[in-house]
N, C-alpha and C. Protein backbone atom coordinates (compact mmCIF):
# COMPACT_ATOMS: atom_id res chain seq x y z
N MET A 1 -15.27 -89.04 138.59
CA MET A 1 -15.06 -90.57 138.80
C MET A 1 -13.73 -90.99 137.20
N ARG A 2 -14.66 -89.75 136.55
CA ARG A 2 -13.90 -90.02 135.08
C ARG A 2 -12.42 -89.95 135.16
N ALA A 3 -11.96 -88.81 136.22
CA ALA A 3 -10.45 -88.41 136.49
C ALA A 3 -10.06 -89.63 137.10
N VAL A 4 -10.22 -90.48 138.06
CA VAL A 4 -9.83 -92.03 138.55
C VAL A 4 -9.99 -92.81 137.45
N CYS A 5 -10.61 -92.95 136.41
CA CYS A 5 -11.17 -94.46 135.96
C CYS A 5 -9.76 -93.93 134.54
N GLU A 6 -9.53 -92.69 134.14
CA GLU A 6 -8.34 -92.00 133.30
C GLU A 6 -6.73 -92.55 133.87
N VAL A 7 -7.04 -92.59 135.24
CA VAL A 7 -5.63 -92.55 135.51
C VAL A 7 -5.01 -94.27 135.90
N VAL A 8 -6.09 -94.73 136.35
CA VAL A 8 -5.79 -96.31 136.85
C VAL A 8 -6.07 -97.43 135.56
N THR A 9 -5.33 -98.30 136.21
CA THR A 9 -5.12 -99.57 135.14
C THR A 9 -6.17 -100.46 135.59
N THR A 10 -6.60 -100.57 136.52
CA THR A 10 -8.22 -101.23 136.85
C THR A 10 -9.26 -101.22 137.20
N PRO A 11 -10.02 -102.30 136.72
CA PRO A 11 -11.34 -101.99 136.65
C PRO A 11 -11.43 -100.73 138.21
N VAL A 12 -12.59 -99.81 137.79
CA VAL A 12 -13.22 -98.62 138.60
C VAL A 12 -14.22 -99.48 139.17
N ASN A 13 -14.82 -99.51 140.23
CA ASN A 13 -16.31 -99.61 140.82
C ASN A 13 -17.47 -98.59 141.41
N VAL A 14 -18.01 -98.32 140.78
CA VAL A 14 -18.82 -97.16 141.91
C VAL A 14 -19.86 -97.43 142.50
N LEU A 15 -20.21 -96.97 143.36
CA LEU A 15 -20.99 -96.86 144.67
C LEU A 15 -22.48 -96.17 143.67
N ALA A 16 -23.23 -96.60 143.36
CA ALA A 16 -24.32 -95.89 143.00
C ALA A 16 -25.72 -95.15 144.07
N HIS A 17 -25.66 -94.24 143.59
CA HIS A 17 -27.05 -93.19 143.88
C HIS A 17 -27.77 -92.51 143.06
N PRO A 18 -28.88 -92.17 143.65
CA PRO A 18 -29.95 -91.80 142.66
C PRO A 18 -29.67 -90.54 142.06
N GLY A 19 -28.43 -89.82 141.94
CA GLY A 19 -28.12 -88.79 141.31
C GLY A 19 -27.18 -89.19 139.96
N LEU A 20 -27.11 -90.63 140.47
CA LEU A 20 -26.37 -90.92 138.64
C LEU A 20 -27.19 -92.08 138.25
N SER A 21 -27.02 -92.11 137.15
CA SER A 21 -27.87 -93.16 136.04
C SER A 21 -26.74 -94.39 135.34
N MET A 22 -26.81 -95.29 135.34
CA MET A 22 -25.51 -96.26 134.66
C MET A 22 -24.96 -95.65 133.15
N ALA A 23 -25.96 -95.27 132.67
CA ALA A 23 -25.55 -94.51 131.59
C ALA A 23 -23.51 -93.77 131.56
N GLU A 24 -24.53 -92.41 132.65
CA GLU A 24 -23.42 -91.64 133.00
C GLU A 24 -22.14 -92.58 133.89
N VAL A 25 -22.36 -93.68 134.52
CA VAL A 25 -21.18 -94.31 135.41
C VAL A 25 -20.04 -95.22 133.99
N VAL A 26 -21.25 -95.61 133.03
CA VAL A 26 -20.18 -96.26 131.76
C VAL A 26 -19.37 -94.97 131.40
N ALA A 27 -20.17 -94.12 130.78
CA ALA A 27 -19.46 -93.09 129.67
C ALA A 27 -18.10 -92.31 130.65
N ALA A 28 -18.02 -92.70 132.32
CA ALA A 28 -16.76 -92.36 133.10
C ALA A 28 -16.12 -93.01 132.94
N GLY A 29 -16.45 -94.12 132.65
CA GLY A 29 -15.40 -95.04 132.43
C GLY A 29 -15.11 -96.43 133.64
N ALA A 30 -16.08 -96.23 134.36
CA ALA A 30 -16.46 -97.20 135.35
C ALA A 30 -16.61 -98.74 134.65
N ARG A 31 -16.16 -99.25 135.02
CA ARG A 31 -16.36 -100.90 134.77
C ARG A 31 -17.61 -101.84 135.86
N ARG A 32 -17.55 -101.41 136.61
CA ARG A 32 -18.48 -102.03 137.69
C ARG A 32 -19.35 -100.87 138.90
N VAL A 33 -20.60 -101.61 138.95
CA VAL A 33 -21.30 -100.87 139.97
C VAL A 33 -22.07 -101.44 140.66
N SER A 34 -22.40 -101.00 142.41
CA SER A 34 -22.28 -101.69 143.53
C SER A 34 -23.64 -100.78 143.76
N VAL A 35 -24.66 -101.39 144.52
CA VAL A 35 -25.61 -100.55 145.21
C VAL A 35 -25.27 -100.93 146.72
N GLY A 36 -24.46 -101.47 147.36
CA GLY A 36 -24.47 -101.62 148.78
C GLY A 36 -25.57 -102.00 149.19
N GLY A 37 -26.01 -101.32 150.63
CA GLY A 37 -27.31 -101.76 151.40
C GLY A 37 -28.28 -100.84 150.47
N ALA A 38 -28.30 -100.24 149.51
CA ALA A 38 -29.55 -99.29 148.68
C ALA A 38 -30.95 -100.09 148.96
N LEU A 39 -30.68 -101.21 148.34
CA LEU A 39 -32.10 -101.81 148.17
C LEU A 39 -32.49 -102.67 149.47
N ALA A 40 -31.87 -102.67 150.65
CA ALA A 40 -32.29 -102.57 151.83
C ALA A 40 -33.40 -101.49 152.37
N TRP A 41 -32.79 -100.34 152.17
CA TRP A 41 -32.90 -99.24 152.33
C TRP A 41 -34.45 -99.01 151.51
N VAL A 42 -34.73 -99.23 150.12
CA VAL A 42 -35.99 -99.29 149.35
C VAL A 42 -37.10 -99.78 149.93
N ALA A 43 -36.15 -101.48 150.33
CA ALA A 43 -37.44 -102.27 151.13
C ALA A 43 -37.87 -101.76 152.07
N ALA A 44 -37.02 -101.27 152.96
CA ALA A 44 -37.89 -100.22 154.36
C ALA A 44 -38.40 -99.15 154.08
N ALA A 45 -38.64 -98.76 153.18
CA ALA A 45 -39.11 -97.47 152.93
C ALA A 45 -40.94 -97.84 152.15
N ALA A 46 -40.77 -99.03 151.48
CA ALA A 46 -41.81 -99.74 151.01
C ALA A 46 -42.66 -100.53 151.96
N LEU A 47 -42.02 -100.83 153.35
CA LEU A 47 -42.66 -101.40 154.51
C LEU A 47 -42.95 -100.55 154.89
N GLY A 48 -42.35 -99.08 155.60
CA GLY A 48 -42.92 -97.98 156.36
C GLY A 48 -44.32 -97.49 155.31
N GLU A 49 -44.46 -97.07 154.21
CA GLU A 49 -45.28 -96.65 153.49
C GLU A 49 -46.41 -97.16 153.42
N ALA A 50 -46.18 -98.83 153.33
CA ALA A 50 -47.11 -99.69 153.39
C ALA A 50 -48.15 -99.82 154.81
N ALA A 51 -47.14 -99.76 155.96
CA ALA A 51 -47.76 -100.02 156.89
C ALA A 51 -48.46 -98.25 157.34
N ARG A 52 -47.83 -97.59 156.96
CA ARG A 52 -48.71 -96.30 156.84
C ARG A 52 -50.18 -96.07 156.59
N ARG A 53 -50.01 -96.86 155.49
CA ARG A 53 -51.19 -96.50 154.83
C ARG A 53 -52.48 -97.77 155.42
N LEU A 54 -52.18 -98.41 156.04
CA LEU A 54 -52.51 -99.61 156.74
C LEU A 54 -53.29 -98.63 157.71
N ARG A 55 -52.34 -98.28 158.60
CA ARG A 55 -52.54 -97.47 159.87
C ARG A 55 -53.56 -96.23 159.60
N ASN A 56 -53.01 -95.36 158.69
CA ASN A 56 -53.89 -93.92 158.60
C ASN A 56 -55.14 -94.50 157.49
N ASP A 57 -54.88 -95.16 156.97
CA ASP A 57 -56.62 -95.12 155.86
C ASP A 57 -57.29 -96.56 155.85
N GLY A 58 -56.83 -97.41 156.08
CA GLY A 58 -57.23 -98.53 156.43
C GLY A 58 -56.89 -99.66 155.13
N ASP A 59 -56.24 -99.18 154.61
CA ASP A 59 -56.03 -99.64 152.96
C ASP A 59 -55.41 -100.87 153.18
N PHE A 60 -55.96 -102.16 152.87
CA PHE A 60 -55.79 -103.17 152.61
C PHE A 60 -54.98 -103.71 151.51
N SER A 61 -55.22 -102.89 150.62
CA SER A 61 -54.86 -103.02 149.07
C SER A 61 -53.18 -103.41 148.80
N VAL A 62 -52.81 -102.68 150.27
CA VAL A 62 -51.03 -102.91 149.72
C VAL A 62 -50.64 -104.12 150.10
N LEU A 63 -51.68 -104.93 150.92
CA LEU A 63 -51.09 -106.55 150.83
C LEU A 63 -50.94 -107.24 150.03
N ALA A 64 -51.69 -106.91 149.04
CA ALA A 64 -51.58 -107.40 147.25
C ALA A 64 -50.35 -107.44 146.42
N ALA A 65 -48.97 -106.41 147.25
CA ALA A 65 -48.09 -105.96 146.63
C ALA A 65 -47.04 -107.61 146.28
N ARG A 66 -46.42 -108.17 145.93
CA ARG A 66 -45.65 -109.10 145.85
C ARG A 66 -44.50 -108.94 145.27
N ALA A 67 -43.12 -109.60 145.79
CA ALA A 67 -42.16 -109.76 145.05
C ALA A 67 -42.40 -110.52 143.34
N PRO A 68 -41.41 -110.30 142.65
CA PRO A 68 -42.22 -111.13 141.26
C PRO A 68 -41.75 -112.86 141.77
N ALA A 69 -41.23 -112.86 142.69
CA ALA A 69 -40.86 -114.37 142.43
C ALA A 69 -42.14 -115.23 143.23
N MET A 70 -42.74 -114.48 143.72
CA MET A 70 -44.09 -114.52 144.57
C MET A 70 -45.49 -114.91 143.52
N GLU A 71 -45.62 -114.35 142.67
CA GLU A 71 -46.50 -113.82 141.51
C GLU A 71 -46.46 -115.39 141.19
N GLY A 72 -48.03 -115.09 140.90
CA GLY A 72 -48.20 -116.94 140.27
C GLY A 72 -48.08 -117.43 138.96
């Protein structure tokens, strides 16, 4: 990433992944970060975990989770 940023004159976009931090991306010289479809996979994992807890544990407390926009 750093090598690319050092030789091009246009802003470099980096696809974020769990092995990188924003500080590392900025330190390497990238100017933009995209998450691609990663947030959809995060949401899918949360849905799967909630469904597993409902099915296996009868735990309805997972239904209390809300997105920030949905909170009172």
